[in-house]
PDB file of all heavy atoms in Angstrom:
ATOM      1  N   GLU A   1     -11.158 -19.702   8.047  1.00  0.00           N
ATOM      2  CA  GLU A   1     -11.338 -18.711   6.989  1.00  0.00           C
ATOM      3  C   GLU A   1     -10.835 -17.331   7.380  1.00  0.00           C
ATOM      4  O   GLU A   1     -10.416 -16.558   6.522  1.00  0.00           O
ATOM      5  CB  GLU A   1     -12.822 -18.645   6.589  1.00  0.00           C
ATOM      6  CG  GLU A   1     -13.287 -19.895   5.871  1.00  0.00           C
ATOM      7  CD  GLU A   1     -14.572 -19.640   5.086  1.00  0.00           C
ATOM      8  OE1 GLU A   1     -15.033 -18.481   5.042  1.00  0.00           O
ATOM      9  OE2 GLU A   1     -15.105 -20.610   4.528  1.00  0.00           O
ATOM     10  N   ILE A   2     -10.868 -17.002   8.654  1.00  0.00           N
ATOM     11  CA  ILE A   2     -10.357 -15.696   9.095  1.00  0.00           C
ATOM     12  C   ILE A   2      -8.863 -15.596   8.798  1.00  0.00           C
ATOM     13  O   ILE A   2      -8.373 -14.586   8.268  1.00  0.00           O
ATOM     14  CB  ILE A   2     -10.620 -15.497  10.612  1.00  0.00           C
ATOM     15  CG1 ILE A   2     -12.125 -15.431  10.867  1.00  0.00           C
ATOM     16  CG2 ILE A   2      -9.920 -14.239  11.109  1.00  0.00           C
ATOM     17  CD1 ILE A   2     -12.488 -15.318  12.339  1.00  0.00           C
ATOM     18  N   ILE A   3      -8.136 -16.668   9.100  1.00  0.00           N
ATOM     19  CA  ILE A   3      -6.686 -16.678   8.840  1.00  0.00           C
ATOM     20  C   ILE A   3      -6.415 -16.621   7.338  1.00  0.00           C
ATOM     21  O   ILE A   3      -5.539 -15.873   6.871  1.00  0.00           O
ATOM     22  CB  ILE A   3      -6.038 -17.935   9.460  1.00  0.00           C
ATOM     23  CG1 ILE A   3      -6.139 -17.883  10.986  1.00  0.00           C
ATOM     24  CG2 ILE A   3      -4.570 -18.067   9.022  1.00  0.00           C
ATOM     25  CD1 ILE A   3      -5.636 -19.132  11.693  1.00  0.00           C
ATOM     26  N   LEU A   4      -7.163 -17.404   6.550  1.00  0.00           N
ATOM     27  CA  LEU A   4      -6.937 -17.459   5.102  1.00  0.00           C
ATOM     28  C   LEU A   4      -7.267 -16.122   4.434  1.00  0.00           C
ATOM     29  O   LEU A   4      -6.550 -15.683   3.527  1.00  0.00           O
ATOM     30  CB  LEU A   4      -7.771 -18.583   4.489  1.00  0.00           C
ATOM     31  CG  LEU A   4      -7.436 -20.000   4.986  1.00  0.00           C
ATOM     32  CD1 LEU A   4      -8.339 -21.032   4.325  1.00  0.00           C
ATOM     33  CD2 LEU A   4      -5.969 -20.338   4.715  1.00  0.00           C
ATOM     34  N   HIS A   5      -8.327 -15.466   4.886  1.00  0.00           N
ATOM     35  CA  HIS A   5      -8.679 -14.168   4.325  1.00  0.00           C
ATOM     36  C   HIS A   5      -7.673 -13.096   4.760  1.00  0.00           C
ATOM     37  O   HIS A   5      -7.320 -12.205   3.986  1.00  0.00           O
ATOM     38  CB  HIS A   5     -10.102 -13.759   4.735  1.00  0.00           C
ATOM     39  CG  HIS A   5     -11.165 -14.481   3.964  1.00  0.00           C
ATOM     40  ND1 HIS A   5     -11.994 -15.414   4.548  1.00  0.00           N
ATOM     41  CD2 HIS A   5     -11.517 -14.435   2.659  1.00  0.00           C
ATOM     42  CE1 HIS A   5     -12.829 -15.902   3.642  1.00  0.00           C
ATOM     43  NE2 HIS A   5     -12.555 -15.321   2.473  1.00  0.00           N
ATOM     44  N   ALA A   6      -7.213 -13.195   6.006  1.00  0.00           N
ATOM     45  CA  ALA A   6      -6.230 -12.236   6.500  1.00  0.00           C
ATOM     46  C   ALA A   6      -4.925 -12.340   5.727  1.00  0.00           C
ATOM     47  O   ALA A   6      -4.220 -11.344   5.514  1.00  0.00           O
ATOM     48  CB  ALA A   6      -5.975 -12.462   7.991  1.00  0.00           C
ATOM     49  N   TYR A   7      -4.607 -13.554   5.268  1.00  0.00           N
ATOM     50  CA  TYR A   7      -3.386 -13.778   4.485  1.00  0.00           C
ATOM     51  C   TYR A   7      -3.384 -12.884   3.244  1.00  0.00           C
ATOM     52  O   TYR A   7      -2.407 -12.185   2.952  1.00  0.00           O
ATOM     53  CB  TYR A   7      -3.296 -15.251   4.080  1.00  0.00           C
ATOM     54  CG  TYR A   7      -2.059 -15.596   3.275  1.00  0.00           C
ATOM     55  CD1 TYR A   7      -0.918 -16.068   3.901  1.00  0.00           C
ATOM     56  CD2 TYR A   7      -2.045 -15.453   1.875  1.00  0.00           C
ATOM     57  CE1 TYR A   7       0.211 -16.391   3.173  1.00  0.00           C
ATOM     58  CE2 TYR A   7      -0.920 -15.774   1.143  1.00  0.00           C
ATOM     59  CZ  TYR A   7       0.206 -16.241   1.787  1.00  0.00           C
ATOM     60  OH  TYR A   7       1.312 -16.551   1.063  1.00  0.00           O
ATOM     61  N   TRP A   8      -4.494 -12.898   2.510  1.00  0.00           N
ATOM     62  CA  TRP A   8      -4.565 -12.109   1.278  1.00  0.00           C
ATOM     63  C   TRP A   8      -4.814 -10.636   1.555  1.00  0.00           C
ATOM     64  O   TRP A   8      -4.440  -9.781   0.744  1.00  0.00           O
ATOM     65  CB  TRP A   8      -5.660 -12.665   0.367  1.00  0.00           C
ATOM     66  CG  TRP A   8      -5.317 -14.024  -0.158  1.00  0.00           C
ATOM     67  CD1 TRP A   8      -5.952 -15.197   0.105  1.00  0.00           C
ATOM     68  CD2 TRP A   8      -4.227 -14.345  -1.022  1.00  0.00           C
ATOM     69  NE1 TRP A   8      -5.339 -16.242  -0.534  1.00  0.00           N
ATOM     70  CE2 TRP A   8      -4.270 -15.748  -1.243  1.00  0.00           C
ATOM     71  CE3 TRP A   8      -3.218 -13.602  -1.628  1.00  0.00           C
ATOM     72  CZ2 TRP A   8      -3.354 -16.407  -2.034  1.00  0.00           C
ATOM     73  CZ3 TRP A   8      -2.295 -14.270  -2.432  1.00  0.00           C
ATOM     74  CH2 TRP A   8      -2.360 -15.646  -2.629  1.00  0.00           C
ATOM     75  N   LEU A   9      -5.415 -10.328   2.693  1.00  0.00           N
ATOM     76  CA  LEU A   9      -5.670  -8.930   3.030  1.00  0.00           C
ATOM     77  C   LEU A   9      -4.356  -8.150   3.143  1.00  0.00           C
ATOM     78  O   LEU A   9      -4.267  -7.000   2.699  1.00  0.00           O
ATOM     79  CB  LEU A   9      -6.451  -8.833   4.345  1.00  0.00           C
ATOM     80  CG  LEU A   9      -6.790  -7.410   4.832  1.00  0.00           C
ATOM     81  CD1 LEU A   9      -7.678  -6.704   3.801  1.00  0.00           C
ATOM     82  CD2 LEU A   9      -7.465  -7.461   6.195  1.00  0.00           C
ATOM     83  N   GLY A  10      -3.339  -8.781   3.729  1.00  0.00           N
ATOM     84  CA  GLY A  10      -2.035  -8.126   3.837  1.00  0.00           C
ATOM     85  C   GLY A  10      -1.469  -7.774   2.476  1.00  0.00           C
ATOM     86  O   GLY A  10      -0.947  -6.665   2.266  1.00  0.00           O
ATOM     87  N   ASP A  11      -1.582  -8.702   1.528  1.00  0.00           N
ATOM     88  CA  ASP A  11      -1.091  -8.445   0.164  1.00  0.00           C
ATOM     89  C   ASP A  11      -1.872  -7.323  -0.503  1.00  0.00           C
ATOM     90  O   ASP A  11      -1.298  -6.468  -1.192  1.00  0.00           O
ATOM     91  CB  ASP A  11      -1.190  -9.718  -0.689  1.00  0.00           C
ATOM     92  CG  ASP A  11      -0.087 -10.710  -0.354  1.00  0.00           C
ATOM     93  OD1 ASP A  11       0.847 -10.306   0.365  1.00  0.00           O
ATOM     94  OD2 ASP A  11      -0.157 -11.866  -0.793  1.00  0.00           O
ATOM     95  N   ILE A  12      -3.192  -7.340  -0.315  1.00  0.00           N
ATOM     96  CA  ILE A  12      -4.035  -6.320  -0.941  1.00  0.00           C
ATOM     97  C   ILE A  12      -3.687  -4.928  -0.399  1.00  0.00           C
ATOM     98  O   ILE A  12      -3.560  -3.963  -1.163  1.00  0.00           O
ATOM     99  CB  ILE A  12      -5.532  -6.641  -0.692  1.00  0.00           C
ATOM    100  CG1 ILE A  12      -5.921  -7.908  -1.471  1.00  0.00           C
ATOM    101  CG2 ILE A  12      -6.411  -5.467  -1.103  1.00  0.00           C
ATOM    102  CD1 ILE A  12      -7.282  -8.453  -1.099  1.00  0.00           C
ATOM    103  N   LEU A  13      -3.516  -4.825   0.910  1.00  0.00           N
ATOM    104  CA  LEU A  13      -3.151  -3.535   1.517  1.00  0.00           C
ATOM    105  C   LEU A  13      -1.803  -3.042   0.999  1.00  0.00           C
ATOM    106  O   LEU A  13      -1.615  -1.846   0.770  1.00  0.00           O
ATOM    107  CB  LEU A  13      -3.114  -3.659   3.039  1.00  0.00           C
ATOM    108  CG  LEU A  13      -4.468  -3.843   3.740  1.00  0.00           C
ATOM    109  CD1 LEU A  13      -4.263  -4.107   5.226  1.00  0.00           C
ATOM    110  CD2 LEU A  13      -5.344  -2.610   3.534  1.00  0.00           C
ATOM    111  N   LEU A  14      -0.876  -3.962   0.790  1.00  0.00           N
ATOM    112  CA  LEU A  14       0.447  -3.598   0.283  1.00  0.00           C
ATOM    113  C   LEU A  14       0.343  -3.054  -1.143  1.00  0.00           C
ATOM    114  O   LEU A  14       0.946  -2.030  -1.479  1.00  0.00           O
ATOM    115  CB  LEU A  14       1.370  -4.820   0.318  1.00  0.00           C
ATOM    116  CG  LEU A  14       2.865  -4.575   0.081  1.00  0.00           C
ATOM    117  CD1 LEU A  14       3.415  -3.585   1.089  1.00  0.00           C
ATOM    118  CD2 LEU A  14       3.631  -5.884   0.152  1.00  0.00           C
ATOM    119  N   VAL A  15      -0.435  -3.724  -1.982  1.00  0.00           N
ATOM    120  CA  VAL A  15      -0.613  -3.268  -3.362  1.00  0.00           C
ATOM    121  C   VAL A  15      -1.299  -1.901  -3.392  1.00  0.00           C
ATOM    122  O   VAL A  15      -0.880  -0.997  -4.129  1.00  0.00           O
ATOM    123  CB  VAL A  15      -1.429  -4.308  -4.171  1.00  0.00           C
ATOM    124  CG1 VAL A  15      -1.809  -3.740  -5.534  1.00  0.00           C
ATOM    125  CG2 VAL A  15      -0.631  -5.593  -4.341  1.00  0.00           C
ATOM    126  N   VAL A  16      -2.347  -1.741  -2.580  1.00  0.00           N
ATOM    127  CA  VAL A  16      -3.056  -0.455  -2.522  1.00  0.00           C
ATOM    128  C   VAL A  16      -2.105   0.644  -2.063  1.00  0.00           C
ATOM    129  O   VAL A  16      -2.116   1.768  -2.594  1.00  0.00           O
ATOM    130  CB  VAL A  16      -4.273  -0.540  -1.570  1.00  0.00           C
ATOM    131  CG1 VAL A  16      -4.860   0.840  -1.308  1.00  0.00           C
ATOM    132  CG2 VAL A  16      -5.339  -1.456  -2.171  1.00  0.00           C
ATOM    133  N   GLY A  17      -1.253   0.323  -1.094  1.00  0.00           N
ATOM    134  CA  GLY A  17      -0.284   1.297  -0.597  1.00  0.00           C
ATOM    135  C   GLY A  17       0.669   1.755  -1.681  1.00  0.00           C
ATOM    136  O   GLY A  17       0.954   2.953  -1.805  1.00  0.00           O
ATOM    137  N   PHE A  18       1.146   0.825  -2.490  1.00  0.00           N
ATOM    138  CA  PHE A  18       2.072   1.187  -3.569  1.00  0.00           C
ATOM    139  C   PHE A  18       1.362   1.995  -4.665  1.00  0.00           C
ATOM    140  O   PHE A  18       1.948   2.908  -5.239  1.00  0.00           O
ATOM    141  CB  PHE A  18       2.718  -0.070  -4.158  1.00  0.00           C
ATOM    142  CG  PHE A  18       3.947  -0.500  -3.421  1.00  0.00           C
ATOM    143  CD1 PHE A  18       3.933  -1.639  -2.629  1.00  0.00           C
ATOM    144  CD2 PHE A  18       5.127   0.244  -3.493  1.00  0.00           C
ATOM    145  CE1 PHE A  18       5.065  -2.030  -1.925  1.00  0.00           C
ATOM    146  CE2 PHE A  18       6.256  -0.144  -2.801  1.00  0.00           C
ATOM    147  CZ  PHE A  18       6.233  -1.285  -2.018  1.00  0.00           C
ATOM    148  N   ILE A  19       0.118   1.647  -4.958  1.00  0.00           N
ATOM    149  CA  ILE A  19      -0.643   2.422  -5.952  1.00  0.00           C
ATOM    150  C   ILE A  19      -0.826   3.856  -5.458  1.00  0.00           C
ATOM    151  O   ILE A  19      -0.664   4.822  -6.215  1.00  0.00           O
ATOM    152  CB  ILE A  19      -2.004   1.744  -6.234  1.00  0.00           C
ATOM    153  CG1 ILE A  19      -1.787   0.407  -6.954  1.00  0.00           C
ATOM    154  CG2 ILE A  19      -2.892   2.669  -7.063  1.00  0.00           C
ATOM    155  CD1 ILE A  19      -3.056  -0.410  -7.109  1.00  0.00           C
ATOM    156  N   TYR A  20      -1.140   3.985  -4.174  1.00  0.00           N
ATOM    157  CA  TYR A  20      -1.308   5.317  -3.569  1.00  0.00           C
ATOM    158  C   TYR A  20       0.007   6.095  -3.619  1.00  0.00           C
ATOM    159  O   TYR A  20       0.035   7.288  -3.929  1.00  0.00           O
ATOM    160  CB  TYR A  20      -1.796   5.157  -2.138  1.00  0.00           C
ATOM    161  CG  TYR A  20      -2.004   6.460  -1.397  1.00  0.00           C
ATOM    162  CD1 TYR A  20      -2.910   7.417  -1.858  1.00  0.00           C
ATOM    163  CD2 TYR A  20      -1.305   6.739  -0.228  1.00  0.00           C
ATOM    164  CE1 TYR A  20      -3.104   8.609  -1.177  1.00  0.00           C
ATOM    165  CE2 TYR A  20      -1.498   7.935   0.458  1.00  0.00           C
ATOM    166  CZ  TYR A  20      -2.396   8.862  -0.023  1.00  0.00           C
ATOM    167  OH  TYR A  20      -2.581  10.041   0.646  1.00  0.00           O
ATOM    168  N   LEU A  21       1.111   5.408  -3.339  1.00  0.00           N
ATOM    169  CA  LEU A  21       2.427   6.059  -3.367  1.00  0.00           C
ATOM    170  C   LEU A  21       2.762   6.544  -4.777  1.00  0.00           C
ATOM    171  O   LEU A  21       3.263   7.658  -4.959  1.00  0.00           O
ATOM    172  CB  LEU A  21       3.502   5.084  -2.878  1.00  0.00           C
ATOM    173  CG  LEU A  21       4.946   5.606  -2.942  1.00  0.00           C
ATOM    174  CD1 LEU A  21       5.127   6.816  -2.040  1.00  0.00           C
ATOM    175  CD2 LEU A  21       5.920   4.496  -2.539  1.00  0.00           C
ATOM    176  N   ILE A  22       2.467   5.717  -5.778  1.00  0.00           N
ATOM    177  CA  ILE A  22       2.726   6.108  -7.169  1.00  0.00           C
ATOM    178  C   ILE A  22       1.939   7.360  -7.516  1.00  0.00           C
ATOM    179  O   ILE A  22       2.438   8.266  -8.189  1.00  0.00           O
ATOM    180  CB  ILE A  22       2.384   4.949  -8.130  1.00  0.00           C
ATOM    181  CG1 ILE A  22       3.385   3.806  -7.938  1.00  0.00           C
ATOM    182  CG2 ILE A  22       2.400   5.428  -9.584  1.00  0.00           C
ATOM    183  CD1 ILE A  22       3.002   2.519  -8.640  1.00  0.00           C
ATOM    184  N   GLY A  23       0.691   7.420  -7.035  1.00  0.00           N
ATOM    185  CA  GLY A  23      -0.123   8.610  -7.271  1.00  0.00           C
ATOM    186  C   GLY A  23       0.469   9.846  -6.632  1.00  0.00           C
ATOM    187  O   GLY A  23       0.498  10.929  -7.241  1.00  0.00           O
ATOM    188  N   LEU A  24       0.968   9.705  -5.411  1.00  0.00           N
ATOM    189  CA  LEU A  24       1.592  10.840  -4.725  1.00  0.00           C
ATOM    190  C   LEU A  24       2.863  11.276  -5.425  1.00  0.00           C
ATOM    191  O   LEU A  24       3.142  12.479  -5.569  1.00  0.00           O
ATOM    192  CB  LEU A  24       1.895  10.467  -3.270  1.00  0.00           C
ATOM    193  CG  LEU A  24       0.701  10.287  -2.336  1.00  0.00           C
ATOM    194  CD1 LEU A  24       1.162   9.848  -0.953  1.00  0.00           C
ATOM    195  CD2 LEU A  24      -0.099  11.593  -2.217  1.00  0.00           C
ATOM    196  N   ARG A  25       3.661  10.320  -5.891  1.00  0.00           N
ATOM    197  CA  ARG A  25       4.915  10.665  -6.567  1.00  0.00           C
ATOM    198  C   ARG A  25       4.627  11.347  -7.898  1.00  0.00           C
ATOM    199  O   ARG A  25       5.387  12.216  -8.330  1.00  0.00           O
ATOM    200  CB  ARG A  25       5.768   9.413  -6.807  1.00  0.00           C
ATOM    201  CG  ARG A  25       6.056   8.592  -5.563  1.00  0.00           C
ATOM    202  CD  ARG A  25       7.255   8.878  -4.757  1.00  0.00           C
ATOM    203  NE  ARG A  25       8.485   9.238  -5.301  1.00  0.00           N
ATOM    204  CZ  ARG A  25       9.612   8.563  -5.086  1.00  0.00           C
ATOM    205  NH1 ARG A  25       9.589   7.419  -4.433  1.00  0.00           N
ATOM    206  NH2 ARG A  25      10.739   9.021  -5.499  1.00  0.00           N
ATOM    207  N   SER A  26       3.540  10.951  -8.548  1.00  0.00           N
ATOM    208  CA  SER A  26       3.146  11.621  -9.796  1.00  0.00           C
ATOM    209  C   SER A  26       2.805  13.078  -9.532  1.00  0.00           C
ATOM    210  O   SER A  26       2.995  13.942 -10.390  1.00  0.00           O
ATOM    211  CB  SER A  26       1.952  10.909 -10.434  1.00  0.00           C
ATOM    212  OG  SER A  26       2.282   9.578 -10.767  1.00  0.00           O
ATOM    213  N   ALA A  27       2.278  13.340  -8.331  1.00  0.00           N
ATOM    214  CA  ALA A  27       1.952  14.715  -7.928  1.00  0.00           C
ATOM    215  C   ALA A  27       3.166  15.407  -7.307  1.00  0.00           C
ATOM    216  O   ALA A  27       3.029  16.447  -6.670  1.00  0.00           O
ATOM    217  CB  ALA A  27       0.784  14.707  -6.956  1.00  0.00           C
ATOM    218  N   LYS A  28       4.341  14.768  -7.463  1.00  0.00           N
ATOM    219  CA  LYS A  28       5.618  15.304  -6.970  1.00  0.00           C
ATOM    220  C   LYS A  28       5.620  15.469  -5.458  1.00  0.00           C
ATOM    221  O   LYS A  28       6.148  16.436  -4.915  1.00  0.00           O
ATOM    222  CB  LYS A  28       5.964  16.622  -7.669  1.00  0.00           C
ATOM    223  CG  LYS A  28       6.189  16.456  -9.174  1.00  0.00           C
ATOM    224  CD  LYS A  28       6.665  17.733  -9.820  1.00  0.00           C
ATOM    225  CE  LYS A  28       6.958  17.499 -11.309  1.00  0.00           C
ATOM    226  NZ  LYS A  28       7.426  18.712 -11.981  1.00  0.00           N
ATOM    227  N   GLN A  29       5.009  14.480  -4.792  1.00  0.00           N
ATOM    228  CA  GLN A  29       5.084  14.411  -3.333  1.00  0.00           C
ATOM    229  C   GLN A  29       5.858  13.150  -2.957  1.00  0.00           C
ATOM    230  O   GLN A  29       5.798  12.150  -3.669  1.00  0.00           O
ATOM    231  CB  GLN A  29       3.688  14.355  -2.715  1.00  0.00           C
ATOM    232  CG  GLN A  29       2.838  15.591  -2.995  1.00  0.00           C
ATOM    233  CD  GLN A  29       1.482  15.485  -2.335  1.00  0.00           C
ATOM    234  OE1 GLN A  29       1.364  15.153  -1.158  1.00  0.00           O
ATOM    235  NE2 GLN A  29       0.438  15.773  -3.093  1.00  0.00           N
ATOM    236  N   SER A  30       6.597  13.205  -1.861  1.00  0.00           N
ATOM    237  CA  SER A  30       7.407  12.065  -1.430  1.00  0.00           C
ATOM    238  C   SER A  30       7.222  11.848   0.075  1.00  0.00           C
ATOM    239  O   SER A  30       8.038  12.303   0.873  1.00  0.00           O
ATOM    240  CB  SER A  30       8.890  12.306  -1.761  1.00  0.00           C
ATOM    241  OG  SER A  30       9.656  11.165  -1.451  1.00  0.00           O
ATOM    242  N   PRO A  31       6.136  11.159   0.471  1.00  0.00           N
ATOM    243  CA  PRO A  31       5.849  10.966   1.899  1.00  0.00           C
ATOM    244  C   PRO A  31       6.805   9.959   2.530  1.00  0.00           C
ATOM    245  O   PRO A  31       6.687   8.753   2.313  1.00  0.00           O
ATOM    246  CB  PRO A  31       4.405  10.447   1.889  1.00  0.00           C
ATOM    247  CG  PRO A  31       4.252   9.785   0.552  1.00  0.00           C
ATOM    248  CD  PRO A  31       5.150  10.509  -0.397  1.00  0.00           C
ATOM    249  N   ALA A  32       7.744  10.457   3.328  1.00  0.00           N
ATOM    250  CA  ALA A  32       8.796   9.603   3.895  1.00  0.00           C
ATOM    251  C   ALA A  32       8.223   8.499   4.780  1.00  0.00           C
ATOM    252  O   ALA A  32       8.666   7.345   4.711  1.00  0.00           O
ATOM    253  CB  ALA A  32       9.789  10.451   4.671  1.00  0.00           C
ATOM    254  N   ASN A  33       7.224   8.823   5.610  1.00  0.00           N
ATOM    255  CA  ASN A  33       6.665   7.824   6.521  1.00  0.00           C
ATOM    256  C   ASN A  33       5.980   6.692   5.769  1.00  0.00           C
ATOM    257  O   ASN A  33       6.101   5.522   6.139  1.00  0.00           O
ATOM    258  CB  ASN A  33       5.680   8.478   7.493  1.00  0.00           C
ATOM    259  CG  ASN A  33       6.379   9.287   8.561  1.00  0.00           C
ATOM    260  OD1 ASN A  33       7.545   9.025   8.874  1.00  0.00           O
ATOM    261  ND2 ASN A  33       5.696  10.271   9.126  1.00  0.00           N
ATOM    262  N   LEU A  34       5.245   7.033   4.705  1.00  0.00           N
ATOM    263  CA  LEU A  34       4.579   6.005   3.904  1.00  0.00           C
ATOM    264  C   LEU A  34       5.609   5.094   3.251  1.00  0.00           C
ATOM    265  O   LEU A  34       5.449   3.862   3.238  1.00  0.00           O
ATOM    266  CB  LEU A  34       3.691   6.657   2.835  1.00  0.00           C
ATOM    267  CG  LEU A  34       2.981   5.689   1.884  1.00  0.00           C
ATOM    268  CD1 LEU A  34       2.066   4.742   2.648  1.00  0.00           C
ATOM    269  CD2 LEU A  34       2.193   6.456   0.818  1.00  0.00           C
ATOM    270  N   ILE A  35       6.650   5.670   2.700  1.00  0.00           N
ATOM    271  CA  ILE A  35       7.705   4.866   2.068  1.00  0.00           C
ATOM    272  C   ILE A  35       8.333   3.922   3.085  1.00  0.00           C
ATOM    273  O   ILE A  35       8.576   2.742   2.805  1.00  0.00           O
ATOM    274  CB  ILE A  35       8.774   5.783   1.438  1.00  0.00           C
ATOM    275  CG1 ILE A  35       8.173   6.567   0.269  1.00  0.00           C
ATOM    276  CG2 ILE A  35       9.977   4.973   0.965  1.00  0.00           C
ATOM    277  CD1 ILE A  35       9.077   7.654  -0.287  1.00  0.00           C
ATOM    278  N   THR A  36       8.599   4.435   4.280  1.00  0.00           N
ATOM    279  CA  THR A  36       9.209   3.626   5.337  1.00  0.00           C
ATOM    280  C   THR A  36       8.330   2.442   5.713  1.00  0.00           C
ATOM    281  O   THR A  36       8.801   1.294   5.798  1.00  0.00           O
ATOM    282  CB  THR A  36       9.466   4.496   6.585  1.00  0.00           C
ATOM    283  OG1 THR A  36      10.442   5.495   6.260  1.00  0.00           O
ATOM    284  CG2 THR A  36       9.980   3.652   7.737  1.00  0.00           C
TER     285      THR A  36
END
């Protein structure tokens, strides 16, 4: 179960990261390190 849960955790973190990035871009910020 640790492996199976970790599988989806990676996807969830990626989605959260993109949502956060969209919020920053809406505020006219462009964090290069986050994008990378």
